[in-house]
C-alpha atoms as a PDB file:
ATOM      1  CA  MET A   1      -0.204   0.047   0.034  1.00  0.00           C
ATOM      2  CA  THR A   2       1.011   3.493  -0.677  1.00  0.00           C
ATOM      3  CA  ASP A   3       1.294   6.095   2.177  1.00  0.00           C
ATOM      4  CA  HIS A   4      -2.209   7.650   0.473  1.00  0.00           C
ATOM      5  CA  THR A   5      -3.490   4.244   1.080  1.00  0.00           C
ATOM      6  CA  ASN A   6      -2.153   3.343   4.500  1.00  0.00           C
ATOM      7  CA  LYS A   7      -4.039   6.416   5.847  1.00  0.00           C
ATOM      8  CA  GLN A   8      -7.449   5.897   4.310  1.00  0.00           C
ATOM      9  CA  PHE A   9      -7.263   2.403   5.601  1.00  0.00           C
ATOM     10  CA  ASP A  10      -6.385   3.009   8.892  1.00  0.00           C
ATOM     11  CA  ALA A  11      -8.781   5.500   8.855  1.00  0.00           C
ATOM     12  CA  ASP A  12     -11.979   3.029   7.701  1.00  0.00           C
ATOM     13  CA  LEU A  13     -10.377   0.288  10.257  1.00  0.00           C
ATOM     14  CA  GLN A  14     -10.542   3.112  12.742  1.00  0.00           C
ATOM     15  CA  ARG A  15     -14.076   4.111  11.992  1.00  0.00           C
ATOM     16  CA  ILE A  16     -15.367   0.573  12.335  1.00  0.00           C
ATOM     17  CA  ARG A  17     -13.727   0.180  15.779  1.00  0.00           C
ATOM     18  CA  THR A  18     -15.461   2.999  16.767  1.00  0.00           C
ATOM     19  CA  GLU A  19     -18.712   2.311  15.656  1.00  0.00           C
ATOM     20  CA  LEU A  20     -18.488  -1.095  17.269  1.00  0.00           C
ATOM     21  CA  LEU A  21     -17.842   0.289  20.639  1.00  0.00           C
ATOM     22  CA  GLN A  22     -20.987   2.645  19.853  1.00  0.00           C
ATOM     23  CA  MET A  23     -22.815  -0.205  19.328  1.00  0.00           C
ATOM     24  CA  GLY A  24     -21.959  -2.089  22.560  1.00  0.00           C
ATOM     25  CA  GLY A  25     -22.407   0.879  24.854  1.00  0.00           C
ATOM     26  CA  LEU A  26     -25.835   0.898  23.291  1.00  0.00           C
ATOM     27  CA  VAL A  27     -26.744  -2.414  24.213  1.00  0.00           C
ATOM     28  CA  GLU A  28     -25.083  -2.109  27.832  1.00  0.00           C
ATOM     29  CA  ALA A  29     -27.353   1.185  28.282  1.00  0.00           C
ATOM     30  CA  MET A  30     -30.534  -1.457  26.430  1.00  0.00           C
ATOM     31  CA  VAL A  31     -29.778  -3.564  29.630  1.00  0.00           C
ATOM     32  CA  TYR A  32     -29.711  -0.743  32.275  1.00  0.00           C
ATOM     33  CA  ASP A  33     -32.504   0.727  31.297  1.00  0.00           C
ATOM     34  CA  GLY A  34     -34.441  -2.777  30.726  1.00  0.00           C
ATOM     35  CA  MET A  35     -33.938  -3.525  34.394  1.00  0.00           C
ATOM     36  CA  GLN A  36     -34.429   0.194  35.523  1.00  0.00           C
ATOM     37  CA  ALA A  37     -37.778  -0.475  34.209  1.00  0.00           C
ATOM     38  CA  LEU A  38     -38.578  -3.622  35.571  1.00  0.00           C
ATOM     39  CA  THR A  39     -37.333  -2.609  39.216  1.00  0.00           C
ATOM     40  CA  GLU A  40     -38.490   1.325  39.239  1.00  0.00           C
ATOM     41  CA  GLY A  41     -41.606   0.421  36.970  1.00  0.00           C
ATOM     42  CA  ASP A  42     -40.769   3.156  34.456  1.00  0.00           C
ATOM     43  CA  LEU A  43     -42.186   2.443  31.228  1.00  0.00           C
ATOM     44  CA  SER A  44     -40.869   5.315  29.251  1.00  0.00           C
ATOM     45  CA  LEU A  45     -37.753   3.195  29.698  1.00  0.00           C
ATOM     46  CA  VAL A  46     -38.970   0.215  27.377  1.00  0.00           C
ATOM     47  CA  ASP A  47     -39.442   2.867  24.548  1.00  0.00           C
ATOM     48  CA  ARG A  48     -35.899   3.950  24.458  1.00  0.00           C
ATOM     49  CA  VAL A  49     -35.062   0.497  24.347  1.00  0.00           C
ATOM     50  CA  ARG A  50     -36.580  -0.150  21.491  1.00  0.00           C
ATOM     51  CA  GLU A  51     -35.330   3.041  19.983  1.00  0.00           C
ATOM     52  CA  HIS A  52     -31.905   1.838  20.624  1.00  0.00           C
ATOM     53  CA  GLU A  53     -32.522  -1.473  19.571  1.00  0.00           C
ATOM     54  CA  LYS A  54     -33.130  -0.206  16.145  1.00  0.00           C
ATOM     55  CA  GLU A  55     -29.941   1.585  16.142  1.00  0.00           C
ATOM     56  CA  VAL A  56     -28.331  -1.606  17.366  1.00  0.00           C
ATOM     57  CA  ASN A  57     -29.630  -2.905  13.676  1.00  0.00           C
ATOM     58  CA  ARG A  58     -28.743  -0.135  12.201  1.00  0.00           C
ATOM     59  CA  PHE A  59     -25.215  -0.222  13.253  1.00  0.00           C
ATOM     60  CA  GLU A  60     -24.646  -4.072  12.751  1.00  0.00           C
ATOM     61  CA  VAL A  61     -25.761  -3.578   8.841  1.00  0.00           C
ATOM     62  CA  GLU A  62     -23.634  -0.487   8.153  1.00  0.00           C
ATOM     63  CA  ILE A  63     -20.383  -1.568   9.905  1.00  0.00           C
ATOM     64  CA  ASP A  64     -20.605  -5.483   7.878  1.00  0.00           C
ATOM     65  CA  GLU A  65     -21.320  -3.353   4.856  1.00  0.00           C
ATOM     66  CA  ARG A  66     -17.971  -1.335   5.369  1.00  0.00           C
ATOM     67  CA  VAL A  67     -15.651  -4.406   6.389  1.00  0.00           C
ATOM     68  CA  THR A  68     -16.962  -6.184   3.265  1.00  0.00           C
ATOM     69  CA  GLN A  69     -15.409  -2.743   1.184  1.00  0.00           C
ATOM     70  CA  ILE A  70     -12.455  -2.523   3.503  1.00  0.00           C
ATOM     71  CA  LEU A  71     -11.511  -6.024   2.920  1.00  0.00           C
ATOM     72  CA  ALA A  72     -11.905  -6.139  -1.257  1.00  0.00           C
ATOM     73  CA  ARG A  73     -10.443  -2.516  -1.198  1.00  0.00           C
ATOM     74  CA  TYR A  74      -7.147  -3.227   0.565  1.00  0.00           C
ATOM     75  CA  GLN A  75      -7.004  -6.952   0.870  1.00  0.00           C
ATOM     76  CA  PRO A  76      -5.418  -6.628   4.630  1.00  0.00           C
ATOM     77  CA  THR A  77      -3.637  -9.331   6.344  1.00  0.00           C
ATOM     78  CA  ALA A  78      -2.184 -10.396   9.650  1.00  0.00           C
ATOM     79  CA  ILE A  79      -4.065  -8.964  12.875  1.00  0.00           C
ATOM     80  CA  ASP A  80      -5.591  -6.476  10.304  1.00  0.00           C
ATOM     81  CA  LEU A  81      -7.497  -9.052   8.391  1.00  0.00           C
ATOM     82  CA  ARG A  82      -7.802 -11.041  12.170  1.00  0.00           C
ATOM     83  CA  THR A  83      -9.638  -7.775  13.595  1.00  0.00           C
ATOM     84  CA  LEU A  84     -11.793  -7.244  10.539  1.00  0.00           C
ATOM     85  CA  LEU A  85     -13.038 -11.082  10.800  1.00  0.00           C
ATOM     86  CA  ALA A  86     -13.499 -11.016  14.236  1.00  0.00           C
ATOM     87  CA  VAL A  87     -15.521  -7.853  13.961  1.00  0.00           C
ATOM     88  CA  THR A  88     -17.970  -9.275  11.333  1.00  0.00           C
ATOM     89  CA  LYS A  89     -18.718 -12.238  13.831  1.00  0.00           C
ATOM     90  CA  MET A  90     -18.533  -9.749  17.096  1.00  0.00           C
ATOM     91  CA  LEU A  91     -21.909  -8.005  15.338  1.00  0.00           C
ATOM     92  CA  THR A  92     -24.066 -10.916  15.183  1.00  0.00           C
ATOM     93  CA  ASP A  93     -23.343 -11.444  19.047  1.00  0.00           C
ATOM     94  CA  MET A  94     -23.794  -7.962  19.790  1.00  0.00           C
ATOM     95  CA  GLU A  95     -26.791  -7.278  17.610  1.00  0.00           C
ATOM     96  CA  ARG A  96     -28.537 -10.657  19.517  1.00  0.00           C
ATOM     97  CA  SER A  97     -27.769  -9.219  22.955  1.00  0.00           C
ATOM     98  CA  GLY A  98     -29.268  -5.972  21.916  1.00  0.00           C
ATOM     99  CA  ASP A  99     -32.627  -8.396  21.000  1.00  0.00           C
ATOM    100  CA  GLU A 100     -32.348 -10.529  24.430  1.00  0.00           C
ATOM    101  CA  ALA A 101     -31.888  -6.733  26.115  1.00  0.00           C
ATOM    102  CA  GLU A 102     -35.133  -5.958  24.339  1.00  0.00           C
ATOM    103  CA  LYS A 103     -37.095  -9.015  25.671  1.00  0.00           C
ATOM    104  CA  ILE A 104     -36.359  -8.115  29.008  1.00  0.00           C
ATOM    105  CA  ALA A 105     -37.534  -4.598  28.720  1.00  0.00           C
ATOM    106  CA  THR A 106     -40.737  -5.829  26.893  1.00  0.00           C
ATOM    107  CA  MET A 107     -41.016  -8.371  29.724  1.00  0.00           C
ATOM    108  CA  ALA A 108     -40.600  -5.592  32.427  1.00  0.00           C
ATOM    109  CA  ARG A 109     -43.639  -3.657  30.640  1.00  0.00           C
ATOM    110  CA  ARG A 110     -45.954  -6.681  30.882  1.00  0.00           C
ATOM    111  CA  ILE A 111     -45.002  -7.280  34.544  1.00  0.00           C
ATOM    112  CA  HIS A 112     -45.907  -3.920  35.173  1.00  0.00           C
ATOM    113  CA  GLU A 113     -49.260  -3.778  33.103  1.00  0.00           C
ATOM    114  CA  ASP A 114     -50.458  -6.911  34.928  1.00  0.00           C
ATOM    115  CA  ASP A 115     -50.309  -6.037  38.409  1.00  0.00           C
ATOM    116  CA  ARG A 116     -52.586  -8.336  39.633  1.00  0.00           C
ATOM    117  CA  SER A 117     -50.112 -11.512  39.811  1.00  0.00           C
ATOM    118  CA  PHE A 118     -48.439 -12.215  43.105  1.00  0.00           C
ATOM    119  CA  MET A 119     -44.532 -10.936  42.045  1.00  0.00           C
ATOM    120  CA  PRO A 120     -41.745 -13.321  43.821  1.00  0.00           C
ATOM    121  CA  ASP A 121     -38.748 -11.854  45.478  1.00  0.00           C
ATOM    122  CA  ILE A 122     -36.232 -12.118  43.132  1.00  0.00           C
ATOM    123  CA  GLU A 123     -32.981 -10.561  43.170  1.00  0.00           C
ATOM    124  CA  LEU A 124     -31.525 -10.028  39.499  1.00  0.00           C
ATOM    125  CA  ARG A 125     -30.063  -6.517  39.449  1.00  0.00           C
ATOM    126  CA  HIS A 126     -26.912  -7.995  40.556  1.00  0.00           C
ATOM    127  CA  MET A 127     -26.920 -10.827  37.551  1.00  0.00           C
ATOM    128  CA  ALA A 128     -27.696  -7.561  35.134  1.00  0.00           C
ATOM    129  CA  ASN A 129     -24.552  -5.774  36.510  1.00  0.00           C
ATOM    130  CA  SER A 130     -22.808  -8.855  35.824  1.00  0.00           C
ATOM    131  CA  VAL A 131     -23.700  -9.006  31.981  1.00  0.00           C
ATOM    132  CA  ARG A 132     -23.602  -5.402  31.745  1.00  0.00           C
ATOM    133  CA  LEU A 133     -20.165  -5.312  33.146  1.00  0.00           C
ATOM    134  CA  MET A 134     -18.845  -8.084  30.756  1.00  0.00           C
ATOM    135  CA  ILE A 135     -20.534  -6.174  27.761  1.00  0.00           C
ATOM    136  CA  ARG A 136     -17.911  -3.585  28.465  1.00  0.00           C
ATOM    137  CA  GLN A 137     -14.699  -5.584  29.590  1.00  0.00           C
ATOM    138  CA  VAL A 138     -15.518  -7.346  25.928  1.00  0.00           C
ATOM    139  CA  MET A 139     -15.347  -3.925  24.297  1.00  0.00           C
ATOM    140  CA  ASP A 140     -12.466  -2.371  26.581  1.00  0.00           C
ATOM    141  CA  ALA A 141     -10.390  -5.751  25.816  1.00  0.00           C
ATOM    142  CA  PHE A 142     -11.240  -5.102  21.899  1.00  0.00           C
ATOM    143  CA  ALA A 143     -10.407  -1.142  22.108  1.00  0.00           C
ATOM    144  CA  ARG A 144      -7.268  -2.405  23.861  1.00  0.00           C
ATOM    145  CA  GLN A 145      -6.361  -5.906  22.299  1.00  0.00           C
ATOM    146  CA  ASP A 146      -5.963  -7.191  25.384  1.00  0.00           C
ATOM    147  CA  ALA A 147      -6.358 -11.059  25.716  1.00  0.00           C
ATOM    148  CA  ILE A 148      -5.770 -11.362  29.127  1.00  0.00           C
ATOM    149  CA  LEU A 149      -8.873  -9.409  29.692  1.00  0.00           C
ATOM    150  CA  ALA A 150     -10.909 -11.339  27.173  1.00  0.00           C
ATOM    151  CA  ALA A 151     -10.057 -14.073  29.182  1.00  0.00           C
ATOM    152  CA  ALA A 152     -11.482 -13.091  32.005  1.00  0.00           C
ATOM    153  CA  VAL A 153     -14.638 -12.472  30.391  1.00  0.00           C
ATOM    154  CA  VAL A 154     -14.604 -15.650  29.071  1.00  0.00           C
ATOM    155  CA  ARG A 155     -14.482 -16.692  33.429  1.00  0.00           C
ATOM    156  CA  SER A 156     -17.196 -14.217  34.316  1.00  0.00           C
ATOM    157  CA  ASP A 157     -19.074 -16.300  31.727  1.00  0.00           C
ATOM    158  CA  LYS A 158     -19.049 -19.354  34.381  1.00  0.00           C
ATOM    159  CA  GLU A 159     -20.464 -16.892  37.078  1.00  0.00           C
ATOM    160  CA  VAL A 160     -23.497 -15.777  35.491  1.00  0.00           C
ATOM    161  CA  ASP A 161     -23.979 -19.148  34.271  1.00  0.00           C
ATOM    162  CA  LYS A 162     -24.202 -20.229  37.826  1.00  0.00           C
ATOM    163  CA  GLU A 163     -26.767 -16.984  38.905  1.00  0.00           C
ATOM    164  CA  TRP A 164     -28.959 -18.366  36.151  1.00  0.00           C
ATOM    165  CA  LYS A 165     -29.287 -21.790  37.712  1.00  0.00           C
ATOM    166  CA  ALA A 166     -29.641 -20.885  41.293  1.00  0.00           C
ATOM    167  CA  THR A 167     -32.456 -18.393  40.038  1.00  0.00           C
ATOM    168  CA  LEU A 168     -33.775 -21.282  37.909  1.00  0.00           C
ATOM    169  CA  ARG A 169     -34.176 -23.474  41.461  1.00  0.00           C
ATOM    170  CA  ASN A 170     -35.249 -20.678  43.716  1.00  0.00           C
ATOM    171  CA  LEU A 171     -38.490 -19.601  40.922  1.00  0.00           C
ATOM    172  CA  ILE A 172     -39.095 -23.573  40.603  1.00  0.00           C
ATOM    173  CA  SER A 173     -39.806 -23.499  44.434  1.00  0.00           C
ATOM    174  CA  TYR A 174     -42.007 -20.100  44.652  1.00  0.00           C
ATOM    175  CA  MET A 175     -43.831 -21.688  42.119  1.00  0.00           C
ATOM    176  CA  ILE A 176     -44.257 -25.204  43.651  1.00  0.00           C
ATOM    177  CA  GLU A 177     -44.768 -23.305  47.371  1.00  0.00           C
ATOM    178  CA  ASP A 178     -46.943 -20.672  45.989  1.00  0.00           C
ATOM    179  CA  PRO A 179     -49.310 -21.181  42.395  1.00  0.00           C
ATOM    180  CA  ARG A 180     -50.190 -17.790  43.057  1.00  0.00           C
ATOM    181  CA  THR A 181     -46.642 -16.461  41.443  1.00  0.00           C
ATOM    182  CA  ILE A 182     -46.425 -18.932  38.144  1.00  0.00           C
ATOM    183  CA  SER A 183     -47.196 -16.213  35.820  1.00  0.00           C
ATOM    184  CA  ARG A 184     -44.929 -13.724  37.246  1.00  0.00           C
ATOM    185  CA  SER A 185     -42.220 -16.329  37.623  1.00  0.00           C
ATOM    186  CA  ILE A 186     -42.140 -17.153  34.452  1.00  0.00           C
ATOM    187  CA  ASP A 187     -41.754 -13.871  33.293  1.00  0.00           C
ATOM    188  CA  LEU A 188     -38.799 -13.585  35.625  1.00  0.00           C
ATOM    189  CA  LEU A 189     -37.561 -16.860  34.411  1.00  0.00           C
ATOM    190  CA  PHE A 190     -37.601 -15.436  30.764  1.00  0.00           C
ATOM    191  CA  ILE A 191     -35.663 -12.151  32.017  1.00  0.00           C
ATOM    192  CA  ALA A 192     -33.299 -14.318  33.878  1.00  0.00           C
ATOM    193  CA  ARG A 193     -33.008 -16.448  30.921  1.00  0.00           C
ATOM    194  CA  SER A 194     -32.191 -13.161  28.653  1.00  0.00           C
ATOM    195  CA  MET A 195     -29.453 -11.907  30.692  1.00  0.00           C
ATOM    196  CA  GLU A 196     -27.721 -15.931  30.871  1.00  0.00           C
ATOM    197  CA  ARG A 197     -27.916 -15.780  26.689  1.00  0.00           C
ATOM    198  CA  ILE A 198     -26.330 -12.224  26.440  1.00  0.00           C
ATOM    199  CA  GLY A 199     -23.289 -13.447  28.946  1.00  0.00           C
ATOM    200  CA  ASP A 200     -22.769 -16.314  26.371  1.00  0.00           C
ATOM    201  CA  HIS A 201     -22.625 -14.152  23.452  1.00  0.00           C
ATOM    202  CA  CYS A 202     -19.997 -11.665  25.874  1.00  0.00           C
ATOM    203  CA  LYS A 203     -18.246 -15.064  26.095  1.00  0.00           C
ATOM    204  CA  ASN A 204     -18.266 -15.270  22.357  1.00  0.00           C
ATOM    205  CA  MET A 205     -17.054 -12.250  21.634  1.00  0.00           C
ATOM    206  CA  ALA A 206     -14.158 -12.278  24.087  1.00  0.00           C
ATOM    207  CA  GLU A 207     -13.138 -15.729  22.519  1.00  0.00           C
ATOM    208  CA  HIS A 208     -12.827 -13.424  18.800  1.00  0.00           C
ATOM    209  CA  VAL A 209     -10.980 -10.910  20.552  1.00  0.00           C
ATOM    210  CA  ILE A 210      -8.443 -13.335  20.950  1.00  0.00           C
ATOM    211  CA  TYR A 211      -8.242 -14.620  18.185  1.00  0.00           C
ATOM    212  CA  MET A 212      -8.112 -11.229  17.080  1.00  0.00           C
ATOM    213  CA  VAL A 213      -4.968 -10.675  18.953  1.00  0.00           C
ATOM    214  CA  HIS A 214      -2.918 -14.320  18.952  1.00  0.00           C
ATOM    215  CA  GLY A 215      -4.720 -15.854  15.987  1.00  0.00           C
ATOM    216  CA  ALA A 216      -5.900 -18.930  17.735  1.00  0.00           C
ATOM    217  CA  ASP A 217      -9.451 -20.078  17.771  1.00  0.00           C
ATOM    218  CA  VAL A 218     -10.166 -21.399  21.574  1.00  0.00           C
ATOM    219  CA  ARG A 219     -14.255 -21.590  20.831  1.00  0.00           C
ATOM    220  CA  HIS A 220     -15.021 -25.172  22.246  1.00  0.00           C
ATOM    221  CA  ARG A 221     -11.349 -25.533  23.570  1.00  0.00           C
ATOM    222  CA  GLY A 222     -12.553 -25.012  27.446  1.00  0.00           C
ATOM    223  CA  LEU A 223     -11.620 -21.826  29.896  1.00  0.00           C
ATOM    224  CA  LYS A 224      -8.456 -23.109  30.775  1.00  0.00           C
ATOM    225  CA  MET A 225      -6.853 -23.411  27.415  1.00  0.00           C
ATOM    226  CA  ALA A 226      -7.967 -19.861  26.611  1.00  0.00           C
ATOM    227  CA  GLU A 227      -6.238 -18.716  30.076  1.00  0.00           C
ATOM    228  CA  ARG A 228      -2.613 -20.621  28.833  1.00  0.00           C
ATOM    229  CA  LEU A 229      -2.897 -19.411  25.725  1.00  0.00           C
ATOM    230  CA  VAL A 230      -3.533 -15.389  26.348  1.00  0.00           C
ATOM    231  CA  ARG A 231      -0.434 -16.015  29.168  1.00  0.00           C
ATOM    232  CA  GLY A 232       1.693 -17.792  26.737  1.00  0.00           C
ATOM    233  CA  GLU A 233       2.170 -20.636  27.836  1.00  0.00           C
ATOM    234  CA  PRO A 234       2.344 -24.067  25.802  1.00  0.00           C
ATOM    235  CA  GLU A 235      -0.475 -26.087  24.723  1.00  0.00           C
ATOM    236  CA  PRO A 236      -0.146 -29.264  27.312  1.00  0.00           C
ATOM    237  CA  THR A 237       1.196 -32.231  25.617  1.00  0.00           C
ATOM    238  CA  PRO A 238      -1.515 -35.450  25.266  1.00  0.00           C
ATOM    239  CA  GLU A 239       0.832 -37.197  27.903  1.00  0.00           C
ATOM    240  CA  GLU A 240       0.135 -34.013  30.275  1.00  0.00           C
ATOM    241  CA  LYS A 241      -3.663 -34.157  29.220  1.00  0.00           C
ATOM    242  CA  LEU A 242      -3.732 -37.689  30.919  1.00  0.00           C
ATOM    243  CA  ALA A 243      -2.035 -36.956  33.496  1.00  0.00           C
ATOM    244  CA  ALA A 244      -4.528 -34.075  34.753  1.00  0.00           C
ATOM    245  CA  LYS A 245      -7.800 -36.309  33.509  1.00  0.00           C
ATOM    246  CA  THR A 246      -6.131 -39.199  35.668  1.00  0.00           C
ATOM    247  CA  LEU A 247      -5.808 -36.563  38.441  1.00  0.00           C
ATOM    248  CA  ARG A 248      -9.472 -35.632  38.072  1.00  0.00           C
ATOM    249  CA  GLN A 249     -10.644 -38.861  38.427  1.00  0.00           C
ATOM    250  CA  GLU A 250      -8.702 -39.700  41.474  1.00  0.00           C
ATOM    251  CA  GLU A 251      -9.878 -36.479  43.542  1.00  0.00           C
ATOM    252  CA  LYS A 252     -13.284 -37.322  41.978  1.00  0.00           C
ATOM    253  CA  ALA A 253     -13.158 -40.890  43.301  1.00  0.00           C
ATOM    254  CA  ALA A 254     -11.623 -39.516  46.966  1.00  0.00           C
ATOM    255  CA  ARG A 255     -14.533 -37.167  47.141  1.00  0.00           C
ATOM    256  CA  ALA A 256     -17.148 -40.100  46.663  1.00  0.00           C
ATOM    257  CA  ALA A 257     -15.633 -42.062  49.091  1.00  0.00           C
ATOM    258  CA  SER A 258     -15.284 -39.481  51.895  1.00  0.00           C
ATOM    259  CA  ASP A 259     -18.715 -38.259  51.182  1.00  0.00           C
ATOM    260  CA  GLN A 260     -20.147 -42.060  51.538  1.00  0.00           C
ATOM    261  CA  ALA A 261     -17.482 -42.548  54.521  1.00  0.00           C
ATOM    262  CA  GLY A 262     -19.198 -39.502  56.499  1.00  0.00           C
ATOM    263  CA  ALA A 263     -22.797 -40.695  55.294  1.00  0.00           C
ATOM    264  CA  GLY A 264     -21.986 -43.879  57.055  1.00  0.00           C
ATOM    265  CA  SER A 265     -20.675 -42.504  60.244  1.00  0.00           C
ATOM    266  CA  GLY A 266     -23.811 -40.570  60.716  1.00  0.00           C
ATOM    267  CA  ASN A 267     -26.156 -43.588  60.767  1.00  0.00           C
END
């Protein structure tokens, strides 16, 4: 590339980066507004979420078109190519996160417009704060090309999954104990499920950031592999994998024996 072409390519690439970050900021705001609509009953926020969702959709189409144009015009290589490929995949996850945030807001409106049902006492704000932080961190990791932060986002998804499972158990208990809560429990279940899915999308985006930085695809390879990669540690040999698997099996067997012995002494 000539100097002039290089400058234009850098400007085009920076515009794509900036717009993806703006898209992430909108989705984070949508999650916040959706939860505020739920907890505070401010239904005007639902309309704002829907307007933001249209903007997110517009960003997805426009950024995708720009990526296609820049690939055809400049034929980039190395990290520039990986960045553009990562962006195309992150766009899908970000747009779907926006869809889930809109579902949260829509469900909040439904709950507050029908105040006849009994509301189970379930705390969802912590889960919402967790996924908002994941969105913020994955965008920060993308902007700074920080694979270590991206790996931390992958780990955070496990905590969100735990919160989702705990919420599911609690809501099932409410429905069993008091059938009057069934309608609202199902609504809250859908909200919690949407947040869990946003966490999954953030994990996906974080894995794309790791690919962008290191050129390695860590999808479906597990958290530990992602963390080893970003720390610069070599991939374990087949012998090391076998030894680790054997150790886990021995530890599991030892815990089971200990539990059995404890149960026996209790009798």
